[in-house]
PDB file of all heavy atoms in Angstrom:
ATOM      1  N   PHE A   1     -12.805  -0.086   9.663  1.00  0.00           N
ATOM      2  CA  PHE A   1     -13.478  -1.065   8.820  1.00  0.00           C
ATOM      3  C   PHE A   1     -14.266  -2.023   9.711  1.00  0.00           C
ATOM      4  O   PHE A   1     -13.765  -2.463  10.740  1.00  0.00           O
ATOM      5  CB  PHE A   1     -12.480  -1.903   8.012  1.00  0.00           C
ATOM      6  CG  PHE A   1     -11.829  -1.202   6.873  1.00  0.00           C
ATOM      7  CD1 PHE A   1     -10.438  -1.137   6.775  1.00  0.00           C
ATOM      8  CD2 PHE A   1     -12.573  -0.624   5.861  1.00  0.00           C
ATOM      9  CE1 PHE A   1      -9.830  -0.512   5.709  1.00  0.00           C
ATOM     10  CE2 PHE A   1     -11.970   0.016   4.793  1.00  0.00           C
ATOM     11  CZ  PHE A   1     -10.582   0.066   4.714  1.00  0.00           C
ATOM     12  N   ILE A   2     -15.476  -2.353   9.286  1.00  0.00           N
ATOM     13  CA  ILE A   2     -16.263  -3.380   9.965  1.00  0.00           C
ATOM     14  C   ILE A   2     -16.664  -4.380   8.897  1.00  0.00           C
ATOM     15  O   ILE A   2     -17.290  -4.015   7.899  1.00  0.00           O
ATOM     16  CB  ILE A   2     -17.529  -2.780  10.637  1.00  0.00           C
ATOM     17  CG1 ILE A   2     -17.135  -1.706  11.643  1.00  0.00           C
ATOM     18  CG2 ILE A   2     -18.351  -3.884  11.303  1.00  0.00           C
ATOM     19  CD1 ILE A   2     -18.310  -0.920  12.214  1.00  0.00           C
ATOM     20  N   GLY A   3     -16.279  -5.638   9.105  1.00  0.00           N
ATOM     21  CA  GLY A   3     -16.576  -6.656   8.119  1.00  0.00           C
ATOM     22  C   GLY A   3     -17.250  -7.849   8.740  1.00  0.00           C
ATOM     23  O   GLY A   3     -16.891  -8.283   9.836  1.00  0.00           O
ATOM     24  N   HIS A   4     -18.243  -8.402   8.020  1.00  0.00           N
ATOM     25  CA  HIS A   4     -18.975  -9.568   8.502  1.00  0.00           C
ATOM     26  C   HIS A   4     -18.606 -10.769   7.646  1.00  0.00           C
ATOM     27  O   HIS A   4     -18.535 -10.668   6.426  1.00  0.00           O
ATOM     28  CB  HIS A   4     -20.482  -9.297   8.400  1.00  0.00           C
ATOM     29  CG  HIS A   4     -21.316 -10.496   8.719  1.00  0.00           C
ATOM     30  ND1 HIS A   4     -21.517 -10.925   9.999  1.00  0.00           N
ATOM     31  CD2 HIS A   4     -21.981 -11.352   7.915  1.00  0.00           C
ATOM     32  CE1 HIS A   4     -22.281 -11.997   9.980  1.00  0.00           C
ATOM     33  NE2 HIS A   4     -22.586 -12.278   8.721  1.00  0.00           N
ATOM     34  N   SER A   5     -18.360 -11.904   8.285  1.00  0.00           N
ATOM     35  CA  SER A   5     -18.056 -13.157   7.604  1.00  0.00           C
ATOM     36  C   SER A   5     -16.796 -12.993   6.758  1.00  0.00           C
ATOM     37  O   SER A   5     -15.759 -12.577   7.282  1.00  0.00           O
ATOM     38  CB  SER A   5     -19.280 -13.583   6.781  1.00  0.00           C
ATOM     39  OG  SER A   5     -19.150 -14.884   6.306  1.00  0.00           O
ATOM     40  N   LEU A   6     -16.827 -13.294   5.477  1.00  0.00           N
ATOM     41  CA  LEU A   6     -15.641 -13.092   4.635  1.00  0.00           C
ATOM     42  C   LEU A   6     -15.281 -11.613   4.543  1.00  0.00           C
ATOM     43  O   LEU A   6     -14.140 -11.260   4.292  1.00  0.00           O
ATOM     44  CB  LEU A   6     -15.869 -13.652   3.236  1.00  0.00           C
ATOM     45  CG  LEU A   6     -15.629 -15.144   3.027  1.00  0.00           C
ATOM     46  CD1 LEU A   6     -15.907 -15.539   1.593  1.00  0.00           C
ATOM     47  CD2 LEU A   6     -14.239 -15.560   3.440  1.00  0.00           C
ATOM     48  N   GLY A   7     -16.264 -10.747   4.769  1.00  0.00           N
ATOM     49  CA  GLY A   7     -15.996  -9.308   4.767  1.00  0.00           C
ATOM     50  C   GLY A   7     -14.992  -8.904   5.837  1.00  0.00           C
ATOM     51  O   GLY A   7     -14.270  -7.914   5.686  1.00  0.00           O
ATOM     52  N   ALA A   8     -14.907  -9.663   6.933  1.00  0.00           N
ATOM     53  CA  ALA A   8     -13.895  -9.400   7.949  1.00  0.00           C
ATOM     54  C   ALA A   8     -12.501  -9.570   7.359  1.00  0.00           C
ATOM     55  O   ALA A   8     -11.586  -8.799   7.628  1.00  0.00           O
ATOM     56  CB  ALA A   8     -14.081 -10.330   9.149  1.00  0.00           C
ATOM     57  N   HIS A   9     -12.348 -10.588   6.511  1.00  0.00           N
ATOM     58  CA  HIS A   9     -11.045 -10.829   5.889  1.00  0.00           C
ATOM     59  C   HIS A   9     -10.778  -9.835   4.753  1.00  0.00           C
ATOM     60  O   HIS A   9      -9.625  -9.515   4.481  1.00  0.00           O
ATOM     61  CB  HIS A   9     -10.976 -12.275   5.401  1.00  0.00           C
ATOM     62  CG  HIS A   9     -11.189 -13.255   6.516  1.00  0.00           C
ATOM     63  ND1 HIS A   9     -10.366 -13.309   7.625  1.00  0.00           N
ATOM     64  CD2 HIS A   9     -12.151 -14.187   6.695  1.00  0.00           C
ATOM     65  CE1 HIS A   9     -10.821 -14.247   8.447  1.00  0.00           C
ATOM     66  NE2 HIS A   9     -11.907 -14.779   7.914  1.00  0.00           N
ATOM     67  N   VAL A  10     -11.845  -9.314   4.115  1.00  0.00           N
ATOM     68  CA  VAL A  10     -11.683  -8.241   3.153  1.00  0.00           C
ATOM     69  C   VAL A  10     -11.080  -7.019   3.857  1.00  0.00           C
ATOM     70  O   VAL A  10     -10.145  -6.399   3.373  1.00  0.00           O
ATOM     71  CB  VAL A  10     -13.034  -7.868   2.493  1.00  0.00           C
ATOM     72  CG1 VAL A  10     -12.928  -6.544   1.736  1.00  0.00           C
ATOM     73  CG2 VAL A  10     -13.504  -8.973   1.560  1.00  0.00           C
ATOM     74  N   ALA A  11     -11.627  -6.687   5.023  1.00  0.00           N
ATOM     75  CA  ALA A  11     -11.102  -5.565   5.806  1.00  0.00           C
ATOM     76  C   ALA A  11      -9.643  -5.825   6.169  1.00  0.00           C
ATOM     77  O   ALA A  11      -8.805  -4.920   6.116  1.00  0.00           O
ATOM     78  CB  ALA A  11     -11.937  -5.369   7.062  1.00  0.00           C
ATOM     79  N   GLY A  12      -9.335  -7.068   6.552  1.00  0.00           N
ATOM     80  CA  GLY A  12      -7.953  -7.429   6.874  1.00  0.00           C
ATOM     81  C   GLY A  12      -7.042  -7.277   5.680  1.00  0.00           C
ATOM     82  O   GLY A  12      -5.910  -6.803   5.801  1.00  0.00           O
ATOM     83  N   GLU A  13      -7.499  -7.668   4.518  1.00  0.00           N
ATOM     84  CA  GLU A  13      -6.711  -7.533   3.302  1.00  0.00           C
ATOM     85  C   GLU A  13      -6.424  -6.063   2.994  1.00  0.00           C
ATOM     86  O   GLU A  13      -5.308  -5.687   2.646  1.00  0.00           O
ATOM     87  CB  GLU A  13      -7.421  -8.195   2.107  1.00  0.00           C
ATOM     88  CG  GLU A  13      -6.689  -8.098   0.792  1.00  0.00           C
ATOM     89  CD  GLU A  13      -5.385  -8.878   0.746  1.00  0.00           C
ATOM     90  OE1 GLU A  13      -5.212  -9.849   1.517  1.00  0.00           O
ATOM     91  OE2 GLU A  13      -4.529  -8.537  -0.101  1.00  0.00           O
ATOM     92  N   ALA A  14      -7.445  -5.217   3.154  1.00  0.00           N
ATOM     93  CA  ALA A  14      -7.257  -3.780   2.938  1.00  0.00           C
ATOM     94  C   ALA A  14      -6.246  -3.226   3.943  1.00  0.00           C
ATOM     95  O   ALA A  14      -5.364  -2.444   3.570  1.00  0.00           O
ATOM     96  CB  ALA A  14      -8.591  -3.048   3.069  1.00  0.00           C
ATOM     97  N   GLY A  15      -6.348  -3.647   5.198  1.00  0.00           N
ATOM     98  CA  GLY A  15      -5.402  -3.203   6.199  1.00  0.00           C
ATOM     99  C   GLY A  15      -3.990  -3.707   5.979  1.00  0.00           C
ATOM    100  O   GLY A  15      -3.013  -3.014   6.247  1.00  0.00           O
ATOM    101  N   ARG A  16      -3.866  -4.894   5.449  1.00  0.00           N
ATOM    102  CA  ARG A  16      -2.551  -5.472   5.151  1.00  0.00           C
ATOM    103  C   ARG A  16      -1.889  -4.672   4.027  1.00  0.00           C
ATOM    104  O   ARG A  16      -0.694  -4.428   4.024  1.00  0.00           O
ATOM    105  CB  ARG A  16      -2.741  -6.929   4.740  1.00  0.00           C
ATOM    106  CG  ARG A  16      -1.525  -7.776   4.755  1.00  0.00           C
ATOM    107  CD  ARG A  16      -1.778  -9.280   4.643  1.00  0.00           C
ATOM    108  NE  ARG A  16      -3.102  -9.758   4.320  1.00  0.00           N
ATOM    109  CZ  ARG A  16      -4.060 -10.043   5.217  1.00  0.00           C
ATOM    110  NH1 ARG A  16      -3.833  -9.871   6.506  1.00  0.00           N
ATOM    111  NH2 ARG A  16      -5.236 -10.497   4.843  1.00  0.00           N
ATOM    112  N   ARG A  17      -2.714  -4.239   3.065  1.00  0.00           N
ATOM    113  CA  ARG A  17      -2.200  -3.491   1.920  1.00  0.00           C
ATOM    114  C   ARG A  17      -1.906  -2.014   2.282  1.00  0.00           C
ATOM    115  O   ARG A  17      -1.048  -1.395   1.676  1.00  0.00           O
ATOM    116  CB  ARG A  17      -3.197  -3.525   0.768  1.00  0.00           C
ATOM    117  CG  ARG A  17      -3.320  -4.886   0.131  1.00  0.00           C
ATOM    118  CD  ARG A  17      -4.490  -4.917  -0.859  1.00  0.00           C
ATOM    119  NE  ARG A  17      -4.527  -6.142  -1.597  1.00  0.00           N
ATOM    120  CZ  ARG A  17      -3.952  -6.338  -2.760  1.00  0.00           C
ATOM    121  NH1 ARG A  17      -3.259  -5.376  -3.325  1.00  0.00           N
ATOM    122  NH2 ARG A  17      -4.030  -7.507  -3.368  1.00  0.00           N
ATOM    123  N   LYS A  18      -2.676  -1.490   3.220  1.00  0.00           N
ATOM    124  CA  LYS A  18      -2.553  -0.064   3.574  1.00  0.00           C
ATOM    125  C   LYS A  18      -2.227   0.040   5.063  1.00  0.00           C
ATOM    126  O   LYS A  18      -3.132   0.105   5.903  1.00  0.00           O
ATOM    127  CB  LYS A  18      -3.859   0.685   3.255  1.00  0.00           C
ATOM    128  CG  LYS A  18      -3.810   2.157   3.561  1.00  0.00           C
ATOM    129  CD  LYS A  18      -2.806   2.860   2.691  1.00  0.00           C
ATOM    130  CE  LYS A  18      -2.790   4.345   2.970  1.00  0.00           C
ATOM    131  NZ  LYS A  18      -1.749   5.019   2.196  1.00  0.00           N
ATOM    132  N   PRO A  19      -0.973   0.081   5.415  1.00  0.00           N
ATOM    133  CA  PRO A  19      -0.601   0.198   6.825  1.00  0.00           C
ATOM    134  C   PRO A  19      -1.149   1.486   7.455  1.00  0.00           C
ATOM    135  O   PRO A  19      -1.305   2.501   6.784  1.00  0.00           O
ATOM    136  CB  PRO A  19       0.934   0.236   6.797  1.00  0.00           C
ATOM    137  CG  PRO A  19       1.301  -0.390   5.475  1.00  0.00           C
ATOM    138  CD  PRO A  19       0.183  -0.016   4.540  1.00  0.00           C
ATOM    139  N   GLY A  20      -1.461   1.404   8.727  1.00  0.00           N
ATOM    140  CA  GLY A  20      -1.903   2.588   9.460  1.00  0.00           C
ATOM    141  C   GLY A  20      -3.402   2.694   9.655  1.00  0.00           C
ATOM    142  O   GLY A  20      -3.880   3.680  10.234  1.00  0.00           O
ATOM    143  N   ILE A  21      -4.182   1.701   9.185  1.00  0.00           N
ATOM    144  CA  ILE A  21      -5.628   1.722   9.421  1.00  0.00           C
ATOM    145  C   ILE A  21      -5.873   1.716  10.915  1.00  0.00           C
ATOM    146  O   ILE A  21      -5.251   0.966  11.653  1.00  0.00           O
ATOM    147  CB  ILE A  21      -6.320   0.502   8.753  1.00  0.00           C
ATOM    148  CG1 ILE A  21      -6.130   0.519   7.234  1.00  0.00           C
ATOM    149  CG2 ILE A  21      -7.795   0.423   9.124  1.00  0.00           C
ATOM    150  CD1 ILE A  21      -6.776   1.686   6.515  1.00  0.00           C
ATOM    151  N   GLY A  22      -6.791   2.557  11.377  1.00  0.00           N
ATOM    152  CA  GLY A  22      -7.015   2.714  12.813  1.00  0.00           C
ATOM    153  C   GLY A  22      -7.612   1.498  13.490  1.00  0.00           C
ATOM    154  O   GLY A  22      -7.130   1.033  14.507  1.00  0.00           O
ATOM    155  N   ARG A  23      -8.691   0.959  12.902  1.00  0.00           N
ATOM    156  CA  ARG A  23      -9.380  -0.143  13.566  1.00  0.00           C
ATOM    157  C   ARG A  23     -10.114  -1.021  12.557  1.00  0.00           C
ATOM    158  O   ARG A  23     -10.629  -0.521  11.565  1.00  0.00           O
ATOM    159  CB  ARG A  23     -10.387   0.417  14.570  1.00  0.00           C
ATOM    160  CG  ARG A  23     -11.158  -0.641  15.356  1.00  0.00           C
ATOM    161  CD  ARG A  23     -12.055  -0.006  16.384  1.00  0.00           C
ATOM    162  NE  ARG A  23     -12.809  -1.025  17.102  1.00  0.00           N
ATOM    163  CZ  ARG A  23     -13.708  -0.747  18.034  1.00  0.00           C
ATOM    164  NH1 ARG A  23     -13.984   0.505  18.348  1.00  0.00           N
ATOM    165  NH2 ARG A  23     -14.358  -1.720  18.644  1.00  0.00           N
ATOM    166  N   ILE A  24     -10.134  -2.298  12.860  1.00  0.00           N
ATOM    167  CA  ILE A  24     -10.942  -3.254  12.100  1.00  0.00           C
ATOM    168  C   ILE A  24     -11.740  -4.073  13.095  1.00  0.00           C
ATOM    169  O   ILE A  24     -11.185  -4.585  14.068  1.00  0.00           O
ATOM    170  CB  ILE A  24     -10.091  -4.189  11.236  1.00  0.00           C
ATOM    171  CG1 ILE A  24      -9.309  -3.413  10.164  1.00  0.00           C
ATOM    172  CG2 ILE A  24     -10.964  -5.273  10.580  1.00  0.00           C
ATOM    173  CD1 ILE A  24      -8.340  -4.259   9.352  1.00  0.00           C
ATOM    174  N   THR A  25     -13.040  -4.152  12.852  1.00  0.00           N
ATOM    175  CA  THR A  25     -13.909  -5.025  13.642  1.00  0.00           C
ATOM    176  C   THR A  25     -14.415  -6.118  12.721  1.00  0.00           C
ATOM    177  O   THR A  25     -14.990  -5.841  11.667  1.00  0.00           O
ATOM    178  CB  THR A  25     -15.106  -4.248  14.222  1.00  0.00           C
ATOM    179  OG1 THR A  25     -14.612  -3.213  15.083  1.00  0.00           O
ATOM    180  CG2 THR A  25     -16.028  -5.178  15.004  1.00  0.00           C
ATOM    181  N   GLY A  26     -14.176  -7.364  13.126  1.00  0.00           N
ATOM    182  CA  GLY A  26     -14.657  -8.499  12.360  1.00  0.00           C
ATOM    183  C   GLY A  26     -15.774  -9.174  13.121  1.00  0.00           C
ATOM    184  O   GLY A  26     -15.628  -9.491  14.302  1.00  0.00           O
ATOM    185  N   THR A  27     -16.904  -9.359  12.459  1.00  0.00           N
ATOM    186  CA  THR A  27     -18.010 -10.076  13.101  1.00  0.00           C
ATOM    187  C   THR A  27     -18.212 -11.392  12.373  1.00  0.00           C
ATOM    188  O   THR A  27     -18.237 -11.425  11.150  1.00  0.00           O
ATOM    189  CB  THR A  27     -19.319  -9.264  13.071  1.00  0.00           C
ATOM    190  OG1 THR A  27     -19.730  -9.074  11.729  1.00  0.00           O
ATOM    191  CG2 THR A  27     -19.142  -7.914  13.757  1.00  0.00           C
ATOM    192  N   GLU A  28     -18.329 -12.452  13.153  1.00  0.00           N
ATOM    193  CA  GLU A  28     -18.555 -13.779  12.609  1.00  0.00           C
ATOM    194  C   GLU A  28     -17.535 -14.113  11.522  1.00  0.00           C
ATOM    195  O   GLU A  28     -17.878 -14.573  10.436  1.00  0.00           O
ATOM    196  CB  GLU A  28     -19.977 -13.879  12.050  1.00  0.00           C
ATOM    197  CG  GLU A  28     -20.554 -15.256  12.134  1.00  0.00           C
ATOM    198  CD  GLU A  28     -22.026 -15.274  11.790  1.00  0.00           C
ATOM    199  OE1 GLU A  28     -22.815 -14.721  12.562  1.00  0.00           O
ATOM    200  OE2 GLU A  28     -22.357 -15.818  10.731  1.00  0.00           O
ATOM    201  N   ALA A  29     -16.264 -13.851  11.845  1.00  0.00           N
ATOM    202  CA  ALA A  29     -15.196 -14.149  10.878  1.00  0.00           C
ATOM    203  C   ALA A  29     -15.278 -15.622  10.493  1.00  0.00           C
ATOM    204  O   ALA A  29     -15.432 -16.489  11.327  1.00  0.00           O
ATOM    205  CB  ALA A  29     -13.846 -13.829  11.490  1.00  0.00           C
TER     206      ALA A  29
END
């Protein structure tokens, strides 16, 4: 997942709900 701004936290929420996500990149969190 790659998320920008609040989208970084959207990616984090998805990862929190679904364990095992390989990678999340947050830009300008």
